[in-house]
N, C-alpha and C. Protein backbone atom coordinates (compact mmCIF):
# COMPACT_ATOMS: atom_id res chain seq x y z
N ASN A 1 26.49 -168.22 -47.12
CA ASN A 1 27.94 -167.80 -47.58
C ASN A 1 28.83 -169.05 -47.98
N ARG A 2 29.23 -168.92 -48.92
CA ARG A 2 30.27 -170.12 -49.24
C ARG A 2 31.73 -169.64 -49.14
N PRO A 3 32.47 -170.39 -48.53
CA PRO A 3 34.02 -169.99 -48.45
C PRO A 3 34.60 -169.41 -49.54
N GLN A 4 35.50 -168.46 -49.50
CA GLN A 4 36.24 -167.96 -50.61
C GLN A 4 37.32 -169.00 -51.06
N SER A 5 37.66 -168.97 -52.20
CA SER A 5 38.80 -169.79 -52.73
C SER A 5 40.01 -169.11 -52.26
N SER A 6 41.07 -169.99 -52.21
CA SER A 6 42.40 -169.35 -51.76
C SER A 6 42.83 -168.28 -52.81
N GLU A 7 42.41 -168.35 -53.97
CA GLU A 7 42.71 -167.47 -55.01
C GLU A 7 42.13 -166.00 -54.61
N THR A 8 40.78 -166.04 -54.30
CA THR A 8 40.22 -164.69 -54.01
C THR A 8 40.58 -164.40 -52.71
N MET A 9 41.10 -165.06 -51.71
CA MET A 9 41.48 -164.52 -50.48
C MET A 9 42.82 -164.01 -50.40
N LYS A 10 43.71 -164.08 -51.40
CA LYS A 10 44.94 -163.60 -51.42
C LYS A 10 44.91 -162.13 -51.57
N ALA A 11 45.71 -161.52 -50.83
CA ALA A 11 45.82 -159.92 -50.87
C ALA A 11 47.18 -159.53 -50.97
N PRO A 12 47.49 -158.92 -51.99
CA PRO A 12 48.95 -158.53 -52.42
C PRO A 12 49.39 -157.61 -51.22
N LEU A 13 50.61 -157.60 -51.05
CA LEU A 13 51.26 -156.60 -50.03
C LEU A 13 51.05 -155.18 -50.80
N SER A 14 50.30 -154.31 -50.33
CA SER A 14 50.10 -153.28 -51.02
C SER A 14 50.91 -151.98 -50.48
N LEU A 15 51.64 -152.21 -49.40
CA LEU A 15 52.50 -151.23 -48.84
C LEU A 15 53.87 -151.51 -49.17
N PRO A 16 54.42 -150.48 -50.06
CA PRO A 16 55.78 -150.79 -50.54
C PRO A 16 56.82 -150.80 -49.28
N ILE A 17 57.82 -151.44 -49.34
CA ILE A 17 58.83 -151.53 -48.43
C ILE A 17 59.33 -150.14 -47.86
N PRO A 18 59.70 -149.21 -48.76
CA PRO A 18 60.21 -147.97 -48.29
C PRO A 18 59.14 -147.22 -47.43
N ILE A 19 57.83 -147.45 -47.75
CA ILE A 19 56.83 -146.61 -46.95
C ILE A 19 56.63 -147.49 -45.50
N LEU A 20 56.81 -148.73 -45.46
CA LEU A 20 56.92 -149.57 -44.22
C LEU A 20 57.96 -149.04 -43.42
N LEU A 21 59.23 -149.05 -44.08
CA LEU A 21 60.37 -148.64 -43.06
C LEU A 21 60.27 -147.10 -42.90
N SER A 22 59.49 -146.33 -43.63
CA SER A 22 59.41 -144.89 -43.30
C SER A 22 58.76 -144.86 -41.86
N SER A 23 57.66 -145.71 -41.55
CA SER A 23 57.12 -145.59 -40.49
C SER A 23 58.06 -146.00 -39.33
N LEU A 24 59.18 -146.71 -39.45
CA LEU A 24 60.18 -147.04 -38.47
C LEU A 24 61.16 -145.80 -38.35
N SER A 25 61.33 -145.16 -39.50
CA SER A 25 62.62 -144.23 -39.47
C SER A 25 62.51 -143.47 -40.79
N LYS A 26 62.25 -142.13 -40.80
CA LYS A 26 62.19 -141.49 -42.13
C LYS A 26 63.57 -141.43 -42.82
N GLU A 27 64.62 -141.34 -42.05
CA GLU A 27 66.01 -141.05 -42.76
C GLU A 27 66.38 -142.49 -43.48
N PHE A 28 65.82 -143.62 -43.02
CA PHE A 28 66.26 -144.83 -43.58
C PHE A 28 65.48 -145.40 -44.79
N ALA A 29 64.39 -144.59 -45.15
CA ALA A 29 63.43 -145.22 -46.06
C ALA A 29 63.74 -145.06 -47.54
N SER A 30 64.89 -144.36 -47.85
CA SER A 30 65.06 -144.19 -49.33
C SER A 30 65.51 -145.28 -50.01
N ALA A 31 66.09 -146.40 -49.40
CA ALA A 31 66.68 -147.62 -50.09
C ALA A 31 66.91 -148.71 -49.29
N LEU A 32 66.75 -149.88 -49.68
CA LEU A 32 67.09 -151.16 -49.00
C LEU A 32 68.49 -151.49 -49.31
N GLU A 33 69.18 -152.18 -48.52
CA GLU A 33 70.58 -152.64 -48.59
C GLU A 33 70.44 -154.09 -48.15
N SER A 34 71.08 -154.97 -48.95
CA SER A 34 71.00 -156.38 -48.61
C SER A 34 72.16 -156.62 -47.75
N ASN A 35 72.03 -157.81 -47.03
CA ASN A 35 73.11 -158.22 -46.03
C ASN A 35 73.26 -159.75 -46.22
N ALA A 36 74.57 -160.17 -45.79
CA ALA A 36 74.91 -161.55 -45.86
C ALA A 36 73.96 -162.27 -44.80
N PRO A 37 73.81 -163.57 -45.07
CA PRO A 37 73.15 -164.40 -43.99
C PRO A 37 73.90 -164.26 -42.68
N ARG A 38 73.02 -164.32 -41.58
CA ARG A 38 73.55 -164.14 -40.17
C ARG A 38 74.11 -162.89 -39.92
N SER A 39 74.05 -161.88 -40.76
CA SER A 39 74.63 -160.65 -40.46
C SER A 39 73.55 -159.49 -40.63
N PRO A 40 72.35 -159.49 -40.04
CA PRO A 40 71.26 -158.50 -40.24
C PRO A 40 71.85 -156.99 -40.00
N GLN A 41 71.19 -156.09 -40.50
CA GLN A 41 71.56 -154.59 -40.23
C GLN A 41 70.83 -154.34 -38.90
N ILE A 42 71.69 -153.57 -38.07
CA ILE A 42 70.96 -153.04 -36.76
C ILE A 42 70.39 -151.73 -36.96
N LEU A 43 69.03 -151.65 -37.22
CA LEU A 43 68.37 -150.41 -37.43
C LEU A 43 68.55 -149.50 -36.27
N SER A 44 68.57 -149.97 -35.18
CA SER A 44 68.69 -149.14 -33.95
C SER A 44 70.00 -148.31 -33.91
N ASP A 45 70.98 -148.96 -34.63
CA ASP A 45 72.39 -148.24 -34.64
C ASP A 45 72.26 -147.19 -35.58
N ILE A 46 71.55 -147.30 -36.70
CA ILE A 46 71.64 -146.23 -37.89
C ILE A 46 70.52 -145.61 -38.04
N THR A 47 69.42 -145.64 -37.20
CA THR A 47 68.31 -144.91 -37.41
C THR A 47 67.80 -144.27 -36.02
N SER A 48 66.65 -143.44 -35.97
CA SER A 48 66.21 -143.04 -34.80
C SER A 48 65.00 -143.90 -34.17
N VAL A 49 65.03 -145.17 -34.67
CA VAL A 49 63.73 -146.03 -34.31
C VAL A 49 63.78 -146.31 -32.80
N CYS A 50 64.90 -146.32 -32.04
CA CYS A 50 65.03 -146.72 -30.66
C CYS A 50 65.55 -145.56 -29.81
N THR A 51 65.29 -144.39 -30.32
CA THR A 51 65.78 -143.06 -29.43
C THR A 51 64.69 -142.77 -28.29
N ALA A 52 65.30 -142.16 -27.42
CA ALA A 52 64.47 -141.66 -26.31
C ALA A 52 63.24 -140.87 -26.61
N ASN A 53 63.37 -140.09 -27.73
CA ASN A 53 62.23 -139.31 -28.08
C ASN A 53 61.13 -140.14 -28.85
N GLN A 54 61.42 -141.48 -29.22
CA GLN A 54 60.37 -142.45 -29.54
C GLN A 54 59.77 -143.17 -28.29
N GLY A 55 60.32 -142.77 -27.02
CA GLY A 55 59.84 -143.55 -25.82
C GLY A 55 60.54 -144.79 -25.49
N ARG A 56 61.79 -144.99 -26.12
CA ARG A 56 62.47 -146.38 -26.01
C ARG A 56 63.60 -146.06 -24.94
N THR A 57 63.96 -147.39 -24.43
CA THR A 57 65.16 -147.24 -23.60
C THR A 57 66.41 -148.00 -24.35
N SER A 58 67.38 -148.10 -23.60
CA SER A 58 68.61 -148.72 -24.13
C SER A 58 68.44 -150.14 -24.45
N LYS A 59 67.37 -150.94 -23.96
CA LYS A 59 67.07 -152.24 -24.37
C LYS A 59 66.51 -152.30 -25.64
N CYS A 60 66.16 -151.23 -26.37
CA CYS A 60 65.55 -151.31 -27.61
C CYS A 60 66.56 -151.61 -28.72
N GLU A 61 66.34 -152.72 -29.67
CA GLU A 61 67.16 -153.07 -30.71
C GLU A 61 66.21 -153.59 -31.88
N VAL A 62 66.46 -153.14 -32.88
CA VAL A 62 65.63 -153.60 -34.13
C VAL A 62 66.71 -154.08 -35.17
N GLU A 63 66.64 -155.31 -35.77
CA GLU A 63 67.50 -155.85 -36.72
C GLU A 63 66.62 -156.12 -38.00
N LEU A 64 67.32 -155.78 -39.06
CA LEU A 64 66.62 -155.76 -40.37
C LEU A 64 67.39 -156.92 -41.27
N ASP A 65 66.81 -158.03 -41.69
CA ASP A 65 67.52 -158.94 -42.49
C ASP A 65 67.02 -159.05 -43.83
N VAL A 66 67.80 -158.42 -44.88
CA VAL A 66 67.39 -158.16 -46.33
C VAL A 66 68.24 -159.18 -47.16
N PRO A 67 67.91 -160.33 -47.39
CA PRO A 67 68.55 -161.24 -48.37
C PRO A 67 68.70 -160.68 -49.85
N PRO A 68 69.85 -160.72 -50.36
CA PRO A 68 70.06 -160.16 -51.67
C PRO A 68 69.06 -160.51 -52.65
N SER A 69 68.52 -161.82 -52.57
CA SER A 69 67.59 -162.30 -53.55
C SER A 69 66.13 -161.69 -53.36
N THR A 70 66.04 -160.84 -52.37
CA THR A 70 64.78 -160.10 -52.12
C THR A 70 64.62 -158.84 -52.87
N LEU A 71 65.70 -158.35 -53.26
CA LEU A 71 65.84 -157.06 -53.92
C LEU A 71 65.41 -157.08 -55.39
N ASN A 72 64.66 -156.10 -55.95
CA ASN A 72 64.20 -156.03 -57.32
C ASN A 72 65.47 -155.57 -58.07
N ALA A 73 65.37 -155.57 -59.54
CA ALA A 73 66.42 -155.20 -60.38
C ALA A 73 67.22 -154.03 -60.10
N ASP A 74 66.48 -153.03 -59.46
CA ASP A 74 67.04 -151.68 -59.25
C ASP A 74 67.89 -151.85 -58.08
N GLY A 75 67.94 -152.89 -57.27
CA GLY A 75 68.89 -153.12 -56.22
C GLY A 75 68.51 -152.52 -55.08
N VAL A 76 67.35 -151.50 -54.89
CA VAL A 76 67.06 -150.82 -53.85
C VAL A 76 65.55 -151.02 -53.26
N THR A 77 64.84 -151.61 -53.92
CA THR A 77 63.50 -151.92 -53.55
C THR A 77 63.01 -153.37 -53.54
N SER A 78 61.95 -153.70 -52.97
CA SER A 78 61.58 -155.04 -53.03
C SER A 78 60.07 -155.22 -53.04
N ASP A 79 59.57 -156.38 -53.58
CA ASP A 79 58.05 -156.64 -53.48
C ASP A 79 57.89 -157.94 -52.60
N ARG A 80 58.95 -158.34 -52.15
CA ARG A 80 58.90 -159.67 -51.15
C ARG A 80 58.13 -159.21 -49.86
N PRO A 81 57.70 -160.41 -49.22
CA PRO A 81 56.99 -160.13 -47.89
C PRO A 81 57.91 -159.63 -46.82
N VAL A 82 57.43 -159.04 -45.88
CA VAL A 82 58.11 -158.58 -44.60
C VAL A 82 57.68 -159.37 -43.52
N VAL A 83 58.58 -160.09 -42.75
CA VAL A 83 57.94 -160.97 -41.78
C VAL A 83 58.50 -160.50 -40.40
N PHE A 84 57.74 -160.25 -39.47
CA PHE A 84 58.15 -159.67 -38.10
C PHE A 84 58.31 -160.93 -37.25
N PHE A 85 59.47 -161.05 -36.52
CA PHE A 85 59.83 -162.25 -35.80
C PHE A 85 59.69 -161.64 -34.27
N PHE A 86 58.73 -162.28 -33.52
CA PHE A 86 58.66 -161.70 -32.09
C PHE A 86 59.10 -162.87 -31.22
N HIS A 87 60.06 -162.40 -30.24
CA HIS A 87 60.49 -163.57 -29.19
C HIS A 87 59.37 -163.65 -28.13
N GLY A 88 59.33 -165.02 -27.44
CA GLY A 88 58.56 -164.92 -26.38
C GLY A 88 58.89 -164.05 -25.19
N ALA A 89 57.98 -164.02 -24.10
CA ALA A 89 58.26 -163.46 -22.74
C ALA A 89 59.49 -163.75 -22.21
N GLY A 90 60.27 -162.85 -21.84
CA GLY A 90 61.58 -163.05 -21.19
C GLY A 90 62.70 -163.43 -22.29
N GLY A 91 62.30 -163.60 -23.57
CA GLY A 91 63.43 -163.96 -24.59
C GLY A 91 64.08 -162.77 -25.23
N SER A 92 64.82 -163.06 -26.26
CA SER A 92 65.51 -162.03 -26.97
C SER A 92 65.54 -162.40 -28.52
N ILE A 93 66.08 -161.53 -29.35
CA ILE A 93 66.32 -161.62 -30.72
C ILE A 93 67.54 -162.46 -30.93
N ALA A 94 68.45 -162.75 -30.00
CA ALA A 94 69.73 -163.36 -30.26
C ALA A 94 69.27 -164.75 -30.85
N GLY A 95 69.87 -165.03 -32.05
CA GLY A 95 69.63 -166.22 -32.68
C GLY A 95 68.59 -166.16 -33.94
N PHE A 96 67.74 -165.08 -33.91
CA PHE A 96 66.85 -165.00 -35.07
C PHE A 96 67.55 -164.95 -36.43
N ALA A 97 68.75 -164.17 -36.41
CA ALA A 97 69.43 -164.11 -37.82
C ALA A 97 69.92 -165.43 -38.19
N ARG A 98 70.19 -166.39 -37.20
CA ARG A 98 70.59 -167.87 -37.56
C ARG A 98 69.46 -168.64 -37.85
N SER A 99 68.24 -168.56 -37.27
CA SER A 99 67.22 -169.37 -37.31
C SER A 99 66.00 -169.06 -38.01
N SER A 100 65.88 -167.80 -38.38
CA SER A 100 64.63 -167.37 -39.03
C SER A 100 64.28 -167.99 -40.37
N GLY A 101 65.27 -168.26 -41.08
CA GLY A 101 65.14 -168.78 -42.59
C GLY A 101 64.85 -167.87 -43.58
N ALA A 102 64.96 -166.41 -43.18
CA ALA A 102 64.73 -165.50 -44.11
C ALA A 102 65.44 -165.60 -45.29
N HIS A 103 66.69 -165.92 -45.40
CA HIS A 103 67.49 -166.08 -46.64
C HIS A 103 67.10 -167.23 -47.43
N SER A 104 66.62 -168.39 -46.79
CA SER A 104 66.31 -169.52 -47.58
C SER A 104 65.03 -169.29 -48.07
N VAL A 105 63.95 -168.65 -47.75
CA VAL A 105 62.73 -168.54 -48.19
C VAL A 105 62.43 -167.04 -48.82
N ASN A 106 63.40 -166.33 -49.09
CA ASN A 106 63.30 -164.97 -49.74
C ASN A 106 62.27 -164.16 -49.23
N VAL A 107 62.40 -163.84 -47.83
CA VAL A 107 61.55 -162.82 -47.27
C VAL A 107 62.45 -161.93 -46.50
N ILE A 108 61.94 -160.81 -46.24
CA ILE A 108 62.73 -159.75 -45.43
C ILE A 108 62.26 -159.80 -43.93
N GLY A 109 63.20 -160.05 -43.07
CA GLY A 109 62.91 -160.33 -41.72
C GLY A 109 63.24 -159.13 -40.79
N VAL A 110 62.37 -158.92 -40.05
CA VAL A 110 62.40 -157.64 -38.79
C VAL A 110 62.51 -158.46 -37.59
N TYR A 111 63.52 -158.05 -36.83
CA TYR A 111 63.69 -158.73 -35.50
C TYR A 111 63.72 -157.71 -34.40
N PRO A 112 62.53 -157.27 -33.79
CA PRO A 112 62.56 -156.25 -32.86
C PRO A 112 62.76 -156.91 -31.43
N GLN A 113 63.56 -156.17 -30.48
CA GLN A 113 63.80 -156.61 -29.18
C GLN A 113 62.73 -156.09 -28.31
N GLY A 114 61.93 -156.77 -27.74
CA GLY A 114 60.78 -156.20 -26.72
C GLY A 114 61.34 -155.67 -25.71
N GLU A 115 60.71 -154.67 -25.07
CA GLU A 115 61.16 -153.99 -23.71
C GLU A 115 60.14 -154.41 -22.62
N ASN A 116 60.54 -155.52 -21.75
CA ASN A 116 59.74 -155.84 -20.74
C ASN A 116 58.31 -156.29 -21.34
N GLY A 117 58.36 -156.92 -22.39
CA GLY A 117 57.02 -157.40 -23.03
C GLY A 117 56.67 -156.58 -24.18
N TRP A 118 55.68 -157.19 -24.79
CA TRP A 118 55.04 -156.45 -26.06
C TRP A 118 53.83 -155.71 -25.75
N ASN A 119 53.67 -154.66 -26.69
CA ASN A 119 52.43 -153.85 -26.53
C ASN A 119 52.24 -153.17 -25.17
N THR A 120 53.38 -152.77 -24.67
CA THR A 120 53.40 -152.18 -23.43
C THR A 120 53.41 -150.42 -23.57
N GLY A 121 53.58 -150.08 -24.89
CA GLY A 121 53.67 -148.66 -24.97
C GLY A 121 55.04 -148.05 -24.66
N PRO A 122 55.17 -146.88 -25.03
CA PRO A 122 56.39 -146.20 -24.83
C PRO A 122 56.56 -146.01 -23.11
N ASN A 123 57.87 -146.19 -22.79
CA ASN A 123 58.10 -146.06 -21.44
C ASN A 123 58.23 -144.77 -20.95
């Protein structure tokens, strides 16, 4: 077996952003809205992604950082990569909006606040 070239290894993101967001919250999946640098949208304030019926506590927070340059011509969809930024154990998402670089590299950033660690399942 010979290694694949980087060209054949590339796999396009086949999951459209609205479908990805749909898995977070059905009511938010209809359209993306851009935001200014250092001012991400707080999904946990405008969706049900962090509600008790999702098994989450008041520690749950999810920020969505959508640079204007990532939106398609229609202004509500995107084909840019979505990058999830996870903090370390005992850390927080404070500062990701400043330091992620999402606006400078044209990616959509998602900053979830972990609850007592990651992959611990609903509380």
